[in-house]
N, C-alpha and C. Protein backbone atom coordinates (compact mmCIF):
# COMPACT_ATOMS: atom_id res chain seq x y z
N UNK A 1 2.34 -3.47 -23.21
CA UNK A 1 3.11 -2.45 -23.08
C UNK A 1 2.78 -0.82 -23.69
N UNK A 2 1.73 -1.24 -24.41
CA UNK A 2 0.90 0.35 -24.88
C UNK A 2 0.55 1.06 -23.60
N UNK A 3 -0.28 0.19 -22.63
CA UNK A 3 -0.80 0.56 -21.11
C UNK A 3 0.23 1.20 -20.76
N UNK A 4 1.54 0.34 -20.34
CA UNK A 4 2.58 0.95 -19.89
C UNK A 4 3.00 2.18 -19.82
N UNK A 5 3.20 2.48 -21.09
CA UNK A 5 3.84 3.81 -22.01
C UNK A 5 2.88 4.80 -21.31
N UNK A 6 1.53 4.65 -21.30
CA UNK A 6 0.70 5.89 -20.86
C UNK A 6 0.88 6.12 -19.34
N UNK A 7 0.71 4.84 -18.53
CA UNK A 7 1.00 5.24 -17.03
C UNK A 7 2.29 5.59 -16.93
N UNK A 8 3.47 5.52 -17.65
CA UNK A 8 4.72 5.90 -17.29
C UNK A 8 4.77 7.60 -17.83
N UNK A 9 3.63 7.79 -18.78
CA UNK A 9 3.84 9.16 -19.23
C UNK A 9 3.04 9.94 -18.22
N UNK A 10 1.91 9.38 -17.71
CA UNK A 10 1.19 10.09 -16.53
C UNK A 10 1.98 10.25 -15.24
N UNK A 11 2.94 9.64 -15.16
CA UNK A 11 3.91 9.65 -13.62
C UNK A 11 5.12 10.62 -14.04
N UNK A 12 5.54 10.63 -15.24
CA UNK A 12 6.28 11.74 -15.74
C UNK A 12 5.95 13.20 -15.41
N UNK A 13 4.89 13.22 -16.51
CA UNK A 13 4.30 14.59 -16.37
C UNK A 13 4.13 15.09 -14.95
N UNK A 14 3.33 14.24 -14.34
CA UNK A 14 2.75 14.30 -12.70
C UNK A 14 4.12 15.25 -12.09
N UNK A 15 5.25 14.43 -12.14
CA UNK A 15 6.67 14.69 -11.05
C UNK A 15 6.90 16.13 -11.87
N UNK A 16 6.72 16.46 -13.19
CA UNK A 16 7.14 17.76 -13.85
C UNK A 16 6.39 18.84 -13.53
N UNK A 17 4.87 18.38 -13.11
CA UNK A 17 4.31 19.59 -12.66
C UNK A 17 3.16 19.90 -14.18
N UNK A 18 3.38 19.20 -15.24
CA UNK A 18 2.18 19.81 -16.06
C UNK A 18 0.62 19.13 -15.98
N UNK A 19 0.17 20.11 -15.77
CA UNK A 19 -1.46 19.72 -15.18
C UNK A 19 -2.05 19.39 -16.67
N UNK A 20 -2.34 20.07 -17.64
CA UNK A 20 -2.43 20.21 -18.98
C UNK A 20 -1.93 19.05 -19.66
N UNK A 21 -0.86 18.51 -19.51
CA UNK A 21 -0.88 17.47 -20.07
C UNK A 21 -1.43 15.94 -19.35
N UNK A 22 -1.39 16.16 -18.07
CA UNK A 22 -1.89 15.15 -17.18
C UNK A 22 -3.26 14.91 -17.55
N UNK A 23 -4.15 15.82 -17.99
CA UNK A 23 -5.71 15.99 -18.22
C UNK A 23 -5.63 15.22 -19.89
N UNK A 24 -4.43 15.58 -20.77
CA UNK A 24 -4.59 15.03 -21.88
C UNK A 24 -4.12 13.41 -21.96
N UNK A 25 -3.42 13.29 -21.06
CA UNK A 25 -2.98 11.59 -20.66
C UNK A 25 -4.54 10.46 -19.89
N UNK A 26 -5.08 11.55 -18.98
CA UNK A 26 -6.31 11.22 -18.24
C UNK A 26 -7.32 10.89 -19.46
N UNK A 27 -7.54 11.98 -20.27
CA UNK A 27 -8.39 11.69 -21.48
C UNK A 27 -8.54 10.26 -22.11
N UNK A 28 -7.38 9.93 -22.52
CA UNK A 28 -6.78 8.64 -23.07
C UNK A 28 -7.35 7.24 -22.29
N UNK A 29 -6.62 7.31 -20.87
CA UNK A 29 -6.35 6.49 -20.18
C UNK A 29 -7.94 6.04 -19.56
N UNK A 30 -9.20 6.49 -19.49
CA UNK A 30 -10.34 6.64 -18.99
C UNK A 30 -10.81 5.43 -20.15
N UNK A 31 -10.51 5.54 -21.39
CA UNK A 31 -10.90 4.10 -22.21
C UNK A 31 -10.26 3.07 -21.77
N UNK A 32 -8.79 2.69 -21.14
CA UNK A 32 -7.96 1.82 -20.60
C UNK A 32 -8.81 1.16 -19.42
N UNK A 33 -9.40 1.90 -18.63
CA UNK A 33 -9.62 1.81 -17.18
C UNK A 33 -11.38 1.30 -17.38
N UNK A 34 -12.00 1.75 -18.47
CA UNK A 34 -13.34 1.12 -18.98
C UNK A 34 -13.50 -0.09 -19.73
N UNK A 35 -12.43 -0.37 -20.17
CA UNK A 35 -12.15 -1.35 -21.13
C UNK A 35 -11.53 -2.52 -20.11
N UNK A 36 -10.88 -2.52 -19.00
CA UNK A 36 -10.05 -3.42 -18.39
C UNK A 36 -11.20 -3.48 -17.21
N UNK A 37 -12.32 -2.92 -16.92
CA UNK A 37 -13.21 -3.41 -16.06
C UNK A 37 -13.07 -2.52 -14.66
N UNK A 38 -12.24 -1.43 -14.64
CA UNK A 38 -11.83 -0.57 -13.69
C UNK A 38 -12.93 0.61 -13.80
N UNK A 39 -14.11 0.48 -13.67
CA UNK A 39 -15.12 1.74 -13.52
C UNK A 39 -14.78 2.56 -13.07
N UNK A 40 -14.76 2.73 -11.68
CA UNK A 40 -14.58 3.51 -10.71
C UNK A 40 -13.26 4.24 -10.95
N UNK A 41 -12.57 4.00 -11.47
CA UNK A 41 -11.34 4.81 -11.96
C UNK A 41 -11.30 5.77 -13.38
N UNK A 42 -12.20 4.85 -14.16
CA UNK A 42 -12.54 5.44 -15.51
C UNK A 42 -13.50 6.74 -15.34
N UNK A 43 -14.22 6.56 -14.14
CA UNK A 43 -15.31 7.56 -13.90
C UNK A 43 -14.72 8.63 -13.52
N UNK A 44 -13.77 8.97 -12.66
CA UNK A 44 -12.77 10.28 -12.31
C UNK A 44 -12.80 10.96 -13.66
N UNK A 45 -11.73 10.46 -14.46
CA UNK A 45 -11.22 11.44 -15.95
C UNK A 45 -12.13 11.82 -16.54
N UNK A 46 -13.20 10.61 -16.78
CA UNK A 46 -14.39 10.86 -17.68
C UNK A 46 -15.62 12.15 -17.16
N UNK A 47 -15.53 12.17 -15.62
CA UNK A 47 -16.49 13.18 -15.15
C UNK A 47 -15.58 14.68 -15.35
N UNK A 48 -14.08 14.47 -14.94
CA UNK A 48 -13.26 15.70 -15.45
C UNK A 48 -13.29 16.15 -16.87
N UNK A 49 -13.23 15.36 -17.80
CA UNK A 49 -13.61 15.70 -19.35
C UNK A 49 -14.53 16.23 -19.71
N UNK A 50 -15.90 15.43 -19.24
CA UNK A 50 -17.27 16.19 -19.13
C UNK A 50 -17.35 17.63 -18.72
N UNK A 51 -16.56 17.79 -17.61
CA UNK A 51 -17.08 18.96 -17.02
C UNK A 51 -16.17 19.99 -17.66
N UNK A 52 -15.17 19.28 -17.81
CA UNK A 52 -14.20 20.59 -18.75
C UNK A 52 -14.78 20.99 -20.15
N UNK A 53 -15.79 20.06 -20.80
CA UNK A 53 -16.02 20.29 -21.94
C UNK A 53 -17.60 21.18 -22.11
N UNK A 54 -18.37 20.51 -20.86
CA UNK A 54 -19.51 21.30 -20.65
C UNK A 54 -20.07 21.89 -19.70
N UNK A 55 -19.59 21.67 -18.48
CA UNK A 55 -20.28 22.00 -17.47
C UNK A 55 -19.48 22.77 -16.78
N UNK A 56 -18.16 23.26 -16.41
CA UNK A 56 -17.73 23.91 -15.58
C UNK A 56 -17.12 25.51 -16.14
N UNK A 57 -17.49 26.61 -15.28
CA UNK A 57 -17.36 27.62 -15.84
C UNK A 57 -15.66 28.01 -15.81
N UNK A 58 -15.07 29.12 -16.40
CA UNK A 58 -14.02 29.02 -16.80
C UNK A 58 -12.89 29.40 -15.46
N UNK A 59 -13.67 30.09 -14.30
CA UNK A 59 -12.86 30.33 -13.24
C UNK A 59 -12.59 28.94 -12.66
N UNK A 60 -13.49 27.98 -12.69
CA UNK A 60 -13.59 26.63 -11.98
C UNK A 60 -12.11 25.84 -12.82
N UNK A 61 -12.37 26.05 -14.21
CA UNK A 61 -11.33 25.20 -15.01
C UNK A 61 -9.90 25.73 -14.63
N UNK A 62 -9.97 27.06 -14.45
CA UNK A 62 -8.61 27.55 -14.02
C UNK A 62 -8.02 27.26 -12.65
N UNK A 63 -9.03 27.05 -11.83
CA UNK A 63 -8.89 26.75 -10.23
C UNK A 63 -8.34 25.34 -10.61
N UNK A 64 -9.11 24.24 -10.65
CA UNK A 64 -8.71 22.81 -11.06
C UNK A 64 -7.10 23.06 -11.67
N UNK A 65 -6.89 23.28 -12.84
CA UNK A 65 -5.81 23.50 -13.59
C UNK A 65 -4.44 24.01 -12.70
N UNK A 66 -4.68 25.17 -12.00
CA UNK A 66 -3.84 25.48 -11.07
C UNK A 66 -3.82 24.83 -9.73
N UNK A 67 -4.53 24.00 -9.23
CA UNK A 67 -4.39 23.22 -7.87
C UNK A 67 -4.45 22.01 -7.73
N UNK A 68 -4.26 21.26 -8.91
CA UNK A 68 -4.39 20.00 -8.96
C UNK A 68 -3.16 19.16 -8.49
N UNK A 69 -1.86 19.97 -8.86
CA UNK A 69 -0.71 19.25 -8.30
C UNK A 69 -0.18 20.47 -7.02
N UNK A 70 0.50 20.11 -6.50
CA UNK A 70 1.33 20.89 -5.64
C UNK A 70 2.85 20.11 -5.14
N UNK A 71 3.43 21.47 -4.90
CA UNK A 71 5.00 21.13 -4.50
C UNK A 71 5.56 21.55 -3.48
N UNK A 72 5.66 20.77 -2.13
CA UNK A 72 5.79 21.30 -0.89
C UNK A 72 7.29 21.80 -0.76
N UNK A 73 7.80 21.46 -1.90
CA UNK A 73 9.40 21.14 -1.34
C UNK A 73 10.11 22.52 -2.13
N UNK A 74 9.37 22.83 -3.42
CA UNK A 74 9.57 23.80 -4.34
C UNK A 74 10.83 23.57 -5.13
N UNK A 75 11.10 22.34 -5.57
CA UNK A 75 12.10 21.55 -6.30
C UNK A 75 11.49 21.15 -7.58
N UNK A 76 12.37 21.14 -8.51
CA UNK A 76 11.81 20.78 -9.76
C UNK A 76 11.73 19.01 -9.90
N UNK A 77 10.84 18.81 -10.79
CA UNK A 77 10.53 17.28 -10.62
C UNK A 77 9.96 17.02 -9.05
N UNK A 78 9.57 17.51 -8.43
CA UNK A 78 8.95 17.11 -6.99
C UNK A 78 7.57 17.17 -6.77
N UNK A 79 6.60 17.44 -7.87
CA UNK A 79 5.08 17.67 -7.86
C UNK A 79 4.47 16.28 -7.77
N UNK A 80 3.24 16.73 -6.75
CA UNK A 80 2.39 15.31 -6.36
C UNK A 80 1.10 16.13 -6.58
N UNK A 81 0.14 15.09 -6.83
CA UNK A 81 -1.14 15.60 -6.98
C UNK A 81 -1.65 15.79 -5.23
N UNK A 82 -2.64 16.61 -5.51
CA UNK A 82 -2.80 17.17 -4.10
C UNK A 82 -3.56 16.18 -3.06
N UNK A 83 -4.39 15.50 -3.90
CA UNK A 83 -4.90 14.32 -2.71
C UNK A 83 -4.14 13.40 -2.22
N UNK A 84 -2.76 13.35 -2.91
CA UNK A 84 -1.70 12.10 -2.40
C UNK A 84 -1.13 12.74 -1.19
N UNK A 85 -0.79 14.22 -1.32
CA UNK A 85 -0.49 15.10 -0.32
C UNK A 85 -1.09 15.18 0.86
N UNK A 86 -2.50 15.18 0.65
CA UNK A 86 -3.58 15.25 1.78
C UNK A 86 -3.43 13.63 2.55
N UNK A 87 -3.25 12.69 1.64
CA UNK A 87 -3.18 11.34 2.40
C UNK A 87 -1.99 11.22 3.47
N UNK A 88 -1.20 11.66 2.97
CA UNK A 88 0.31 11.68 3.28
C UNK A 88 0.00 11.93 4.60
N UNK A 89 -0.36 13.47 4.41
CA UNK A 89 -0.91 14.28 5.60
C UNK A 89 -1.65 13.66 7.04
N UNK A 90 -2.68 13.10 6.19
CA UNK A 90 -3.46 12.48 7.15
C UNK A 90 -2.78 11.39 7.88
N UNK A 91 -1.74 10.67 7.36
CA UNK A 91 -1.01 9.38 7.79
C UNK A 91 -0.17 9.80 8.92
N UNK A 92 0.52 11.35 8.85
CA UNK A 92 1.30 11.94 9.81
C UNK A 92 0.46 11.99 11.11
N UNK A 93 -0.75 12.90 10.71
CA UNK A 93 -1.76 13.06 11.79
C UNK A 93 -1.79 11.93 12.58
N UNK A 94 -2.19 10.93 12.24
CA UNK A 94 -2.40 9.53 13.01
C UNK A 94 -1.36 8.84 13.41
N UNK A 95 -0.03 9.47 13.10
CA UNK A 95 1.00 8.68 13.70
C UNK A 95 1.27 9.67 14.68
N UNK A 96 1.10 11.02 14.54
CA UNK A 96 1.44 11.91 15.87
C UNK A 96 0.58 11.77 16.82
N UNK A 97 -0.87 11.29 16.84
CA UNK A 97 -1.72 11.16 17.46
C UNK A 97 -2.40 9.64 17.35
N UNK A 98 -1.79 8.76 17.90
CA UNK A 98 -2.34 7.78 17.65
C UNK A 98 -3.47 6.91 18.28
N UNK A 99 -4.05 8.04 19.43
CA UNK A 99 -5.06 7.59 20.04
C UNK A 99 -6.21 7.44 19.31
N UNK A 100 -7.07 6.28 19.24
CA UNK A 100 -8.34 6.08 18.73
C UNK A 100 -9.38 7.17 18.84
N UNK A 101 -9.06 7.58 20.15
CA UNK A 101 -10.10 8.76 20.52
C UNK A 101 -9.94 10.00 20.51
N UNK A 102 -9.06 10.28 19.62
CA UNK A 102 -8.63 11.54 18.99
C UNK A 102 -9.81 12.33 18.25
N UNK A 103 -10.47 13.35 18.52
CA UNK A 103 -11.71 14.09 17.94
C UNK A 103 -10.99 14.73 16.99
N UNK A 104 -11.19 14.53 15.55
CA UNK A 104 -10.81 15.51 14.57
C UNK A 104 -11.24 16.56 14.41
N UNK A 105 -12.29 16.78 15.12
CA UNK A 105 -12.90 18.31 15.17
C UNK A 105 -12.72 19.28 16.12
N UNK A 106 -11.76 18.74 16.99
CA UNK A 106 -10.81 19.47 18.00
C UNK A 106 -10.46 20.84 17.38
N UNK A 107 -10.58 21.60 18.22
CA UNK A 107 -9.71 22.73 17.80
C UNK A 107 -8.27 23.12 17.76
N UNK A 108 -7.54 22.24 18.60
CA UNK A 108 -6.24 22.02 18.66
C UNK A 108 -5.76 21.47 17.44
N UNK A 109 -6.58 20.43 16.63
CA UNK A 109 -6.19 19.63 15.52
C UNK A 109 -6.10 20.78 14.24
N UNK A 110 -7.34 21.47 14.73
CA UNK A 110 -7.60 22.18 13.44
C UNK A 110 -6.60 23.49 13.40
N UNK A 111 -6.43 24.15 14.38
CA UNK A 111 -5.98 25.08 14.35
C UNK A 111 -4.23 25.17 14.39
N UNK A 112 -4.01 24.17 15.29
CA UNK A 112 -2.40 24.09 15.51
C UNK A 112 -1.65 22.62 14.71
N UNK A 113 -2.07 21.75 14.81
CA UNK A 113 -1.71 20.47 14.43
C UNK A 113 -1.85 20.44 12.78
N UNK A 114 -2.70 20.63 12.33
CA UNK A 114 -3.01 20.54 10.64
C UNK A 114 -1.95 21.75 10.09
N UNK A 115 -1.92 22.92 10.87
CA UNK A 115 -1.03 24.10 9.96
C UNK A 115 0.03 23.65 10.07
N UNK A 116 0.69 22.60 10.92
CA UNK A 116 2.05 22.37 11.25
C UNK A 116 2.44 21.20 11.15
N UNK A 117 1.52 20.06 10.57
CA UNK A 117 1.68 18.77 10.29
C UNK A 117 3.27 18.49 9.85
N UNK A 118 3.84 18.80 8.71
CA UNK A 118 5.06 18.64 7.86
C UNK A 118 5.92 18.72 9.22
N UNK A 119 6.27 19.81 9.73
CA UNK A 119 7.03 20.39 11.01
C UNK A 119 6.81 19.29 12.10
N UNK A 120 5.60 18.93 12.52
CA UNK A 120 5.44 17.70 13.82
C UNK A 120 5.70 16.43 13.18
N UNK A 121 5.66 16.09 12.12
CA UNK A 121 5.95 15.01 11.48
C UNK A 121 7.82 14.87 11.44
N UNK A 122 8.37 15.69 11.15
CA UNK A 122 9.95 15.46 11.05
C UNK A 122 10.36 15.95 12.34
N UNK A 123 9.85 16.52 13.28
CA UNK A 123 10.05 16.86 14.70
C UNK A 123 9.84 15.46 15.34
N UNK A 124 8.82 14.59 15.18
CA UNK A 124 8.48 13.13 15.80
C UNK A 124 9.45 12.35 15.21
N UNK A 125 9.95 12.26 13.92
CA UNK A 125 10.86 11.41 13.62
C UNK A 125 12.37 11.92 14.02
N UNK A 126 12.44 12.79 14.26
CA UNK A 126 13.94 13.39 14.72
C UNK A 126 14.07 13.06 16.25
N UNK A 127 13.30 13.37 16.99
CA UNK A 127 13.50 12.96 18.40
C UNK A 127 13.35 11.86 18.61
N UNK A 128 12.69 10.90 17.83
CA UNK A 128 12.90 9.36 18.30
C UNK A 128 14.30 8.78 17.79
N UNK A 129 14.97 9.48 16.50
CA UNK A 129 16.17 8.63 16.27
C UNK A 129 17.20 9.41 17.29
N UNK A 130 17.27 10.92 17.85
CA UNK A 130 18.04 11.48 18.83
C UNK A 130 18.29 10.90 20.16
N UNK A 131 16.97 10.16 20.30
CA UNK A 131 17.34 9.77 22.00
C UNK A 131 16.86 8.15 21.73
N UNK A 132 17.25 7.60 20.34
CA UNK A 132 17.62 6.00 20.13
C UNK A 132 16.31 5.19 20.36
N UNK A 133 15.30 5.87 20.48
CA UNK A 133 13.58 5.37 20.89
C UNK A 133 13.78 3.97 19.66
N UNK A 134 13.81 4.44 18.56
CA UNK A 134 13.62 3.69 17.47
C UNK A 134 13.96 4.00 16.09
N UNK A 135 14.18 3.47 14.98
CA UNK A 135 14.44 3.72 13.72
C UNK A 135 13.68 3.15 12.90
N UNK A 136 12.53 3.82 12.23
CA UNK A 136 11.63 3.47 11.35
C UNK A 136 12.12 4.11 9.93
N UNK A 137 12.46 2.83 9.08
CA UNK A 137 12.86 3.27 8.00
C UNK A 137 11.44 3.60 7.03
N UNK A 138 11.64 4.21 6.08
CA UNK A 138 10.27 4.32 5.02
C UNK A 138 10.36 3.59 3.87
N UNK A 139 11.15 2.49 4.12
CA UNK A 139 11.06 1.44 2.81
C UNK A 139 11.27 -0.15 3.48
N UNK A 140 10.77 -0.82 2.76
CA UNK A 140 11.05 -2.43 3.18
C UNK A 140 12.25 -2.90 3.18
N UNK A 141 12.96 -3.83 3.91
CA UNK A 141 14.10 -4.50 3.47
C UNK A 141 14.32 -4.88 1.90
N UNK A 142 15.50 -4.70 1.49
CA UNK A 142 15.70 -5.03 0.29
C UNK A 142 15.76 -6.75 -0.03
N UNK A 143 14.84 -7.23 -1.03
CA UNK A 143 15.24 -8.92 -0.66
C UNK A 143 15.71 -9.12 -1.98
N UNK A 144 16.55 -10.16 -2.23
CA UNK A 144 17.44 -10.84 -3.20
C UNK A 144 16.12 -11.75 -4.03
N UNK A 145 15.89 -11.48 -4.93
CA UNK A 145 15.00 -12.18 -5.90
C UNK A 145 15.74 -12.90 -6.72
N UNK A 146 17.22 -12.99 -7.01
CA UNK A 146 17.62 -13.63 -8.28
C UNK A 146 17.67 -15.25 -7.98
N UNK A 147 17.60 -15.71 -7.23
CA UNK A 147 17.34 -17.30 -7.14
C UNK A 147 15.95 -17.52 -7.54
N UNK A 148 15.13 -16.63 -7.11
CA UNK A 148 13.68 -17.19 -7.81
C UNK A 148 13.38 -16.68 -9.01
N UNK A 149 13.89 -15.67 -9.39
CA UNK A 149 13.90 -15.47 -11.06
C UNK A 149 14.55 -16.64 -11.62
N UNK A 150 15.59 -17.05 -11.12
CA UNK A 150 16.21 -18.34 -11.70
C UNK A 150 15.36 -19.48 -11.91
N UNK A 151 14.60 -19.85 -10.76
CA UNK A 151 13.69 -20.83 -10.40
C UNK A 151 12.79 -20.71 -11.53
N UNK A 152 12.08 -19.66 -11.77
CA UNK A 152 10.96 -19.17 -12.63
C UNK A 152 11.58 -19.43 -13.70
N UNK A 153 12.57 -18.78 -14.20
CA UNK A 153 13.20 -19.11 -15.60
C UNK A 153 13.24 -20.49 -15.99
N UNK A 154 13.93 -21.40 -15.19
CA UNK A 154 13.88 -22.57 -15.74
C UNK A 154 12.52 -23.44 -15.75
N UNK A 155 11.38 -23.04 -15.16
CA UNK A 155 10.27 -23.30 -15.08
C UNK A 155 9.21 -23.04 -16.52
N UNK A 156 10.11 -21.93 -16.96
CA UNK A 156 9.31 -21.27 -18.34
C UNK A 156 10.12 -22.20 -19.26
N UNK A 157 11.61 -22.24 -19.05
CA UNK A 157 12.09 -23.36 -20.10
C UNK A 157 11.80 -24.81 -20.17
N UNK A 158 11.45 -25.31 -19.18
CA UNK A 158 10.85 -26.52 -18.97
C UNK A 158 9.53 -26.67 -19.74
N UNK A 159 8.58 -25.72 -19.82
CA UNK A 159 7.01 -25.70 -19.88
C UNK A 159 7.03 -25.21 -21.12
N UNK A 160 8.46 -24.54 -22.13
CA UNK A 160 8.02 -24.16 -23.15
C UNK A 160 7.27 -22.61 -23.22
N UNK A 161 7.20 -22.27 -22.00
CA UNK A 161 6.22 -20.75 -21.87
C UNK A 161 6.21 -19.78 -23.19
N UNK A 162 7.67 -19.59 -23.51
CA UNK A 162 8.02 -18.58 -24.57
C UNK A 162 8.45 -18.88 -25.86
N UNK A 163 8.05 -20.15 -25.91
CA UNK A 163 8.36 -20.97 -27.47
C UNK A 163 7.15 -21.30 -28.06
N UNK A 164 7.00 -20.91 -29.75
CA UNK A 164 6.22 -21.07 -30.19
C UNK A 164 6.21 -22.61 -30.55
N UNK A 165 4.60 -22.88 -30.33
CA UNK A 165 4.40 -24.44 -30.47
C UNK A 165 3.15 -24.07 -31.45
N UNK A 166 3.22 -25.15 -32.65
CA UNK A 166 2.11 -25.24 -33.36
C UNK A 166 0.91 -25.87 -32.69
N UNK A 167 0.13 -25.48 -32.67
CA UNK A 167 -1.42 -25.53 -32.68
C UNK A 167 -1.60 -25.92 -30.82
N UNK A 168 -0.59 -25.37 -30.17
CA UNK A 168 -0.78 -24.63 -28.91
C UNK A 168 -0.81 -23.41 -28.33
N UNK A 169 -2.10 -23.44 -27.42
CA UNK A 169 -2.80 -22.05 -27.37
C UNK A 169 -2.42 -21.67 -25.94
N UNK A 170 -2.18 -20.36 -25.54
CA UNK A 170 -1.96 -19.92 -24.14
C UNK A 170 -2.92 -19.91 -23.32
N UNK A 171 -3.43 -20.10 -21.99
CA UNK A 171 -4.44 -20.00 -21.24
C UNK A 171 -5.12 -18.73 -21.36
N UNK A 172 -4.42 -17.56 -21.49
CA UNK A 172 -5.22 -16.13 -21.33
C UNK A 172 -4.72 -15.42 -22.81
N UNK A 173 -5.71 -14.81 -23.10
CA UNK A 173 -5.38 -13.52 -24.25
C UNK A 173 -5.46 -12.25 -24.05
N UNK A 174 -4.30 -11.75 -24.78
CA UNK A 174 -3.94 -10.32 -24.32
C UNK A 174 -5.13 -9.38 -25.04
N UNK A 175 -6.09 -8.48 -24.00
CA UNK A 175 -6.94 -7.99 -24.48
C UNK A 175 -6.64 -6.30 -24.94
N UNK A 176 -7.02 -6.27 -26.13
CA UNK A 176 -7.12 -4.54 -26.34
C UNK A 176 -7.93 -3.82 -25.31
N UNK A 177 -7.52 -3.29 -24.17
CA UNK A 177 -8.35 -2.41 -23.15
C UNK A 177 -8.63 -1.25 -23.92
N UNK A 178 -8.12 -0.77 -24.51
CA UNK A 178 -8.55 0.70 -25.27
C UNK A 178 -9.77 0.76 -26.05
N UNK A 179 -9.68 -0.33 -26.88
CA UNK A 179 -11.13 -1.01 -27.68
C UNK A 179 -11.90 -1.17 -27.26
N UNK A 180 -11.74 -2.40 -26.20
CA UNK A 180 -12.89 -2.66 -25.37
C UNK A 180 -13.67 -1.09 -24.52
N UNK A 181 -12.76 -0.37 -23.98
CA UNK A 181 -13.27 0.80 -23.30
C UNK A 181 -13.92 1.52 -24.28
N UNK A 182 -13.53 1.92 -25.72
CA UNK A 182 -14.39 2.73 -26.54
C UNK A 182 -15.76 1.86 -26.76
N UNK A 183 -15.68 0.77 -26.94
CA UNK A 183 -16.61 -0.10 -27.36
C UNK A 183 -17.92 -0.36 -26.10
N UNK A 184 -17.65 0.09 -24.89
CA UNK A 184 -18.46 0.09 -23.93
C UNK A 184 -18.92 1.53 -23.79
N UNK A 185 -18.08 2.38 -23.96
CA UNK A 185 -18.64 3.71 -23.79
C UNK A 185 -19.56 4.14 -25.17
N UNK A 186 -19.37 3.54 -26.30
CA UNK A 186 -20.12 3.92 -27.66
C UNK A 186 -21.56 2.98 -27.50
N UNK A 187 -21.42 1.77 -26.49
CA UNK A 187 -22.63 0.88 -26.75
C UNK A 187 -23.55 1.36 -25.39
N UNK A 188 -23.41 2.22 -25.13
CA UNK A 188 -24.59 3.44 -24.28
C UNK A 188 -24.17 3.60 -22.74
N UNK A 189 -22.90 2.91 -22.09
CA UNK A 189 -22.36 3.60 -21.11
C UNK A 189 -22.13 4.68 -20.86
N UNK A 190 -21.75 5.57 -22.03
CA UNK A 190 -21.54 7.01 -22.08
C UNK A 190 -22.96 8.08 -21.70
N UNK A 191 -23.85 7.47 -22.34
CA UNK A 191 -25.18 7.94 -22.04
C UNK A 191 -25.61 8.07 -20.67
N UNK A 192 -25.53 6.33 -20.42
CA UNK A 192 -25.86 6.04 -18.71
C UNK A 192 -25.07 6.94 -17.75
N UNK A 193 -23.87 7.13 -18.31
CA UNK A 193 -23.18 8.26 -17.52
C UNK A 193 -23.09 9.81 -17.30
N UNK A 194 -23.25 10.23 -18.50
CA UNK A 194 -24.21 11.36 -18.69
C UNK A 194 -25.35 11.71 -18.01
N UNK A 195 -26.24 10.76 -18.08
CA UNK A 195 -27.49 11.17 -17.40
C UNK A 195 -27.28 11.16 -15.86
């Protein structure tokens, strides 16, 4: 639950557009990432933290903090990381131009399509619905998982999964990933990263 609360806070402060708090949460989360073995996810916040502390000039720090999130809708609670918006726009480009031979260095894509990609995405979806060609929803069909949860509950009851039994042990142990990450970084990984 401790890990989940940090991820939830990261989600909330991202939607609110609080870049400073995002970096504060990432400073804690990189220990969780390193402790759980997700070193690639741990490297980015560690790189940013070291850059802010030792390397980046003040103008670069200001540029990162001011441009880390974008809100193309201009509405409260609709902030997104800029790289996520970029991935969404690349998806729309590939949907509007599905041809595998499309040259992404072409002038049309650079000067016309990419500047208007959001509008082209709305136009593509709107025209398809208008002419009744197809309707693609953004979400999968909702499933009814009540029966599956009830069956799982019966298995848990029959196997005494959530019942304490003296001299029994679980096949797994909950690991304190924060402490593991701190030990890994103190054990020499931080010096290796800094070199």
